[in-house]
C-alpha atoms as a PDB file:
ATOM      1  CA  UNK A   1       0.000   0.000   0.000  1.00  0.00           C
ATOM      2  CA  UNK A   2       1.428   3.341  -1.059  1.00  0.00           C
ATOM      3  CA  UNK A   3       0.612   6.378   1.064  1.00  0.00           C
ATOM      4  CA  UNK A   4       0.548  10.051   0.112  1.00  0.00           C
ATOM      5  CA  UNK A   5       3.938  10.773   1.652  1.00  0.00           C
ATOM      6  CA  UNK A   6       5.648   8.096  -0.472  1.00  0.00           C
ATOM      7  CA  UNK A   7       4.149   9.613  -3.625  1.00  0.00           C
ATOM      8  CA  UNK A   8       4.699  13.227  -2.592  1.00  0.00           C
ATOM      9  CA  UNK A   9       7.006  13.881   0.402  1.00  0.00           C
ATOM     10  CA  UNK A  10       5.577  17.404   0.638  1.00  0.00           C
ATOM     11  CA  UNK A  11       1.979  16.193   0.991  1.00  0.00           C
ATOM     12  CA  UNK A  12       0.007  17.168   4.076  1.00  0.00           C
ATOM     13  CA  UNK A  13       0.315  14.616   6.871  1.00  0.00           C
ATOM     14  CA  UNK A  14      -3.052  12.774   6.996  1.00  0.00           C
ATOM     15  CA  UNK A  15      -2.586  11.639  10.602  1.00  0.00           C
ATOM     16  CA  UNK A  16      -4.661  13.566  13.129  1.00  0.00           C
ATOM     17  CA  UNK A  17      -2.765  15.435  15.805  1.00  0.00           C
ATOM     18  CA  UNK A  18      -4.265  15.925  19.239  1.00  0.00           C
ATOM     19  CA  UNK A  19      -3.293  17.882  22.299  1.00  0.00           C
ATOM     20  CA  UNK A  20      -3.645  15.920  25.517  1.00  0.00           C
ATOM     21  CA  UNK A  21      -3.792  17.685  28.868  1.00  0.00           C
ATOM     22  CA  UNK A  22      -2.810  15.583  31.849  1.00  0.00           C
ATOM     23  CA  UNK A  23      -4.382  16.808  35.056  1.00  0.00           C
ATOM     24  CA  UNK A  24      -3.314  15.671  38.501  1.00  0.00           C
ATOM     25  CA  UNK A  25      -5.570  16.601  41.392  1.00  0.00           C
ATOM     26  CA  UNK A  26      -6.077  15.573  44.991  1.00  0.00           C
ATOM     27  CA  UNK A  27      -9.033  13.205  45.403  1.00  0.00           C
ATOM     28  CA  UNK A  28     -10.766  15.762  47.649  1.00  0.00           C
ATOM     29  CA  UNK A  29     -11.181  18.110  44.645  1.00  0.00           C
ATOM     30  CA  UNK A  30     -11.615  15.548  41.840  1.00  0.00           C
ATOM     31  CA  UNK A  31     -15.237  16.587  41.189  1.00  0.00           C
ATOM     32  CA  UNK A  32     -14.249  20.234  40.722  1.00  0.00           C
ATOM     33  CA  UNK A  33     -11.353  19.190  38.496  1.00  0.00           C
ATOM     34  CA  UNK A  34     -13.608  17.140  36.212  1.00  0.00           C
ATOM     35  CA  UNK A  35     -16.248  19.875  36.136  1.00  0.00           C
ATOM     36  CA  UNK A  36     -13.624  22.529  35.436  1.00  0.00           C
ATOM     37  CA  UNK A  37     -12.292  20.669  32.387  1.00  0.00           C
ATOM     38  CA  UNK A  38     -15.382  19.147  30.747  1.00  0.00           C
ATOM     39  CA  UNK A  39     -17.370  22.027  29.394  1.00  0.00           C
ATOM     40  CA  UNK A  40     -17.326  24.395  26.482  1.00  0.00           C
ATOM     41  CA  UNK A  41     -15.902  27.870  26.900  1.00  0.00           C
ATOM     42  CA  UNK A  42     -19.300  29.498  27.460  1.00  0.00           C
ATOM     43  CA  UNK A  43     -20.380  26.846  29.970  1.00  0.00           C
ATOM     44  CA  UNK A  44     -17.197  27.383  31.987  1.00  0.00           C
ATOM     45  CA  UNK A  45     -17.635  31.177  31.903  1.00  0.00           C
ATOM     46  CA  UNK A  46     -21.265  30.875  33.016  1.00  0.00           C
ATOM     47  CA  UNK A  47     -20.331  28.483  35.823  1.00  0.00           C
ATOM     48  CA  UNK A  48     -17.689  30.870  37.131  1.00  0.00           C
ATOM     49  CA  UNK A  49     -20.064  33.828  36.831  1.00  0.00           C
ATOM     50  CA  UNK A  50     -22.775  31.911  38.719  1.00  0.00           C
ATOM     51  CA  UNK A  51     -20.315  31.121  41.509  1.00  0.00           C
ATOM     52  CA  UNK A  52     -19.106  34.730  41.619  1.00  0.00           C
ATOM     53  CA  UNK A  53     -22.710  35.885  42.218  1.00  0.00           C
ATOM     54  CA  UNK A  54     -22.898  33.404  45.102  1.00  0.00           C
ATOM     55  CA  UNK A  55     -19.744  34.919  46.625  1.00  0.00           C
ATOM     56  CA  UNK A  56     -17.537  32.030  45.506  1.00  0.00           C
ATOM     57  CA  UNK A  57     -14.588  31.541  43.189  1.00  0.00           C
ATOM     58  CA  UNK A  58     -14.666  28.326  41.187  1.00  0.00           C
ATOM     59  CA  UNK A  59     -11.832  26.720  39.274  1.00  0.00           C
ATOM     60  CA  UNK A  60     -10.606  23.195  38.710  1.00  0.00           C
ATOM     61  CA  UNK A  61      -8.720  23.242  42.030  1.00  0.00           C
ATOM     62  CA  UNK A  62     -11.880  23.786  44.089  1.00  0.00           C
ATOM     63  CA  UNK A  63     -14.183  26.473  45.411  1.00  0.00           C
ATOM     64  CA  UNK A  64     -13.094  29.386  47.587  1.00  0.00           C
ATOM     65  CA  UNK A  65     -15.315  31.803  49.491  1.00  0.00           C
ATOM     66  CA  UNK A  66     -14.561  35.324  48.227  1.00  0.00           C
ATOM     67  CA  UNK A  67     -15.343  36.998  51.552  1.00  0.00           C
ATOM     68  CA  UNK A  68     -12.508  35.399  53.501  1.00  0.00           C
ATOM     69  CA  UNK A  69     -10.562  33.214  51.048  1.00  0.00           C
ATOM     70  CA  UNK A  70     -11.499  29.962  52.785  1.00  0.00           C
ATOM     71  CA  UNK A  71     -11.657  26.779  50.729  1.00  0.00           C
ATOM     72  CA  UNK A  72     -15.111  25.201  50.577  1.00  0.00           C
ATOM     73  CA  UNK A  73     -15.282  21.410  50.629  1.00  0.00           C
ATOM     74  CA  UNK A  74     -18.234  20.773  48.304  1.00  0.00           C
ATOM     75  CA  UNK A  75     -17.348  17.102  47.992  1.00  0.00           C
ATOM     76  CA  UNK A  76     -17.258  16.287  51.713  1.00  0.00           C
ATOM     77  CA  UNK A  77     -18.399  12.777  52.497  1.00  0.00           C
ATOM     78  CA  UNK A  78     -18.543  11.673  48.848  1.00  0.00           C
ATOM     79  CA  UNK A  79     -16.561   8.452  48.502  1.00  0.00           C
ATOM     80  CA  UNK A  80     -17.871   7.328  45.098  1.00  0.00           C
ATOM     81  CA  UNK A  81     -16.253   7.635  41.708  1.00  0.00           C
ATOM     82  CA  UNK A  82     -15.444  10.898  39.951  1.00  0.00           C
ATOM     83  CA  UNK A  83     -18.935  11.167  38.456  1.00  0.00           C
ATOM     84  CA  UNK A  84     -20.483  10.917  41.930  1.00  0.00           C
ATOM     85  CA  UNK A  85     -18.090  13.604  43.184  1.00  0.00           C
ATOM     86  CA  UNK A  86     -18.932  15.818  40.224  1.00  0.00           C
ATOM     87  CA  UNK A  87     -22.669  15.361  40.854  1.00  0.00           C
ATOM     88  CA  UNK A  88     -22.086  16.367  44.479  1.00  0.00           C
ATOM     89  CA  UNK A  89     -20.430  19.622  43.334  1.00  0.00           C
ATOM     90  CA  UNK A  90     -23.441  20.430  41.132  1.00  0.00           C
ATOM     91  CA  UNK A  91     -25.777  19.694  44.058  1.00  0.00           C
ATOM     92  CA  UNK A  92     -23.795  21.793  46.557  1.00  0.00           C
ATOM     93  CA  UNK A  93     -23.774  24.711  44.099  1.00  0.00           C
ATOM     94  CA  UNK A  94     -27.556  24.395  43.735  1.00  0.00           C
ATOM     95  CA  UNK A  95     -27.384  23.337  40.089  1.00  0.00           C
ATOM     96  CA  UNK A  96     -28.997  20.513  38.150  1.00  0.00           C
ATOM     97  CA  UNK A  97     -26.442  17.924  37.015  1.00  0.00           C
ATOM     98  CA  UNK A  98     -25.531  18.062  33.340  1.00  0.00           C
ATOM     99  CA  UNK A  99     -23.790  15.240  31.507  1.00  0.00           C
ATOM    100  CA  UNK A 100     -20.460  16.322  29.957  1.00  0.00           C
ATOM    101  CA  UNK A 101     -22.021  16.114  26.469  1.00  0.00           C
ATOM    102  CA  UNK A 102     -24.597  18.722  27.571  1.00  0.00           C
ATOM    103  CA  UNK A 103     -21.878  21.185  28.583  1.00  0.00           C
ATOM    104  CA  UNK A 104     -20.525  21.727  25.088  1.00  0.00           C
ATOM    105  CA  UNK A 105     -21.964  25.164  24.505  1.00  0.00           C
ATOM    106  CA  UNK A 106     -19.830  26.113  21.535  1.00  0.00           C
END
C-alpha cells in the first residue's frame, strides 16, 4: 500500500494530531477538576459567573469563598467515583447535574 507521503514527500500529513492535557488533582477536589475541564468555553464562563454571584470563586482546584478566602469542601463525604463527586459539586452549588455532552456550549 502506497501512502501520500511516499508519492509526494511534501503532501500534508493525513494523521490527526491531538493535544492531551494531563491533570493531577487531589481526590478531595476531583469533582471540581472534572467539572472545570469538561465544558465548552461558554459553559465554563457561566459556571464561574454563577459562583461569583454566590460569593464564591470556582476553578478546577476547588471552590473558595470570596469573603474570607477559605476553601469550601463541596465534595465532603462523597466516597464514590469521579462522576459521583462531580454530581455532588453540582448539588452543593444548587445546580442541576448536566452530563459532559450537555456542557458543550460552543
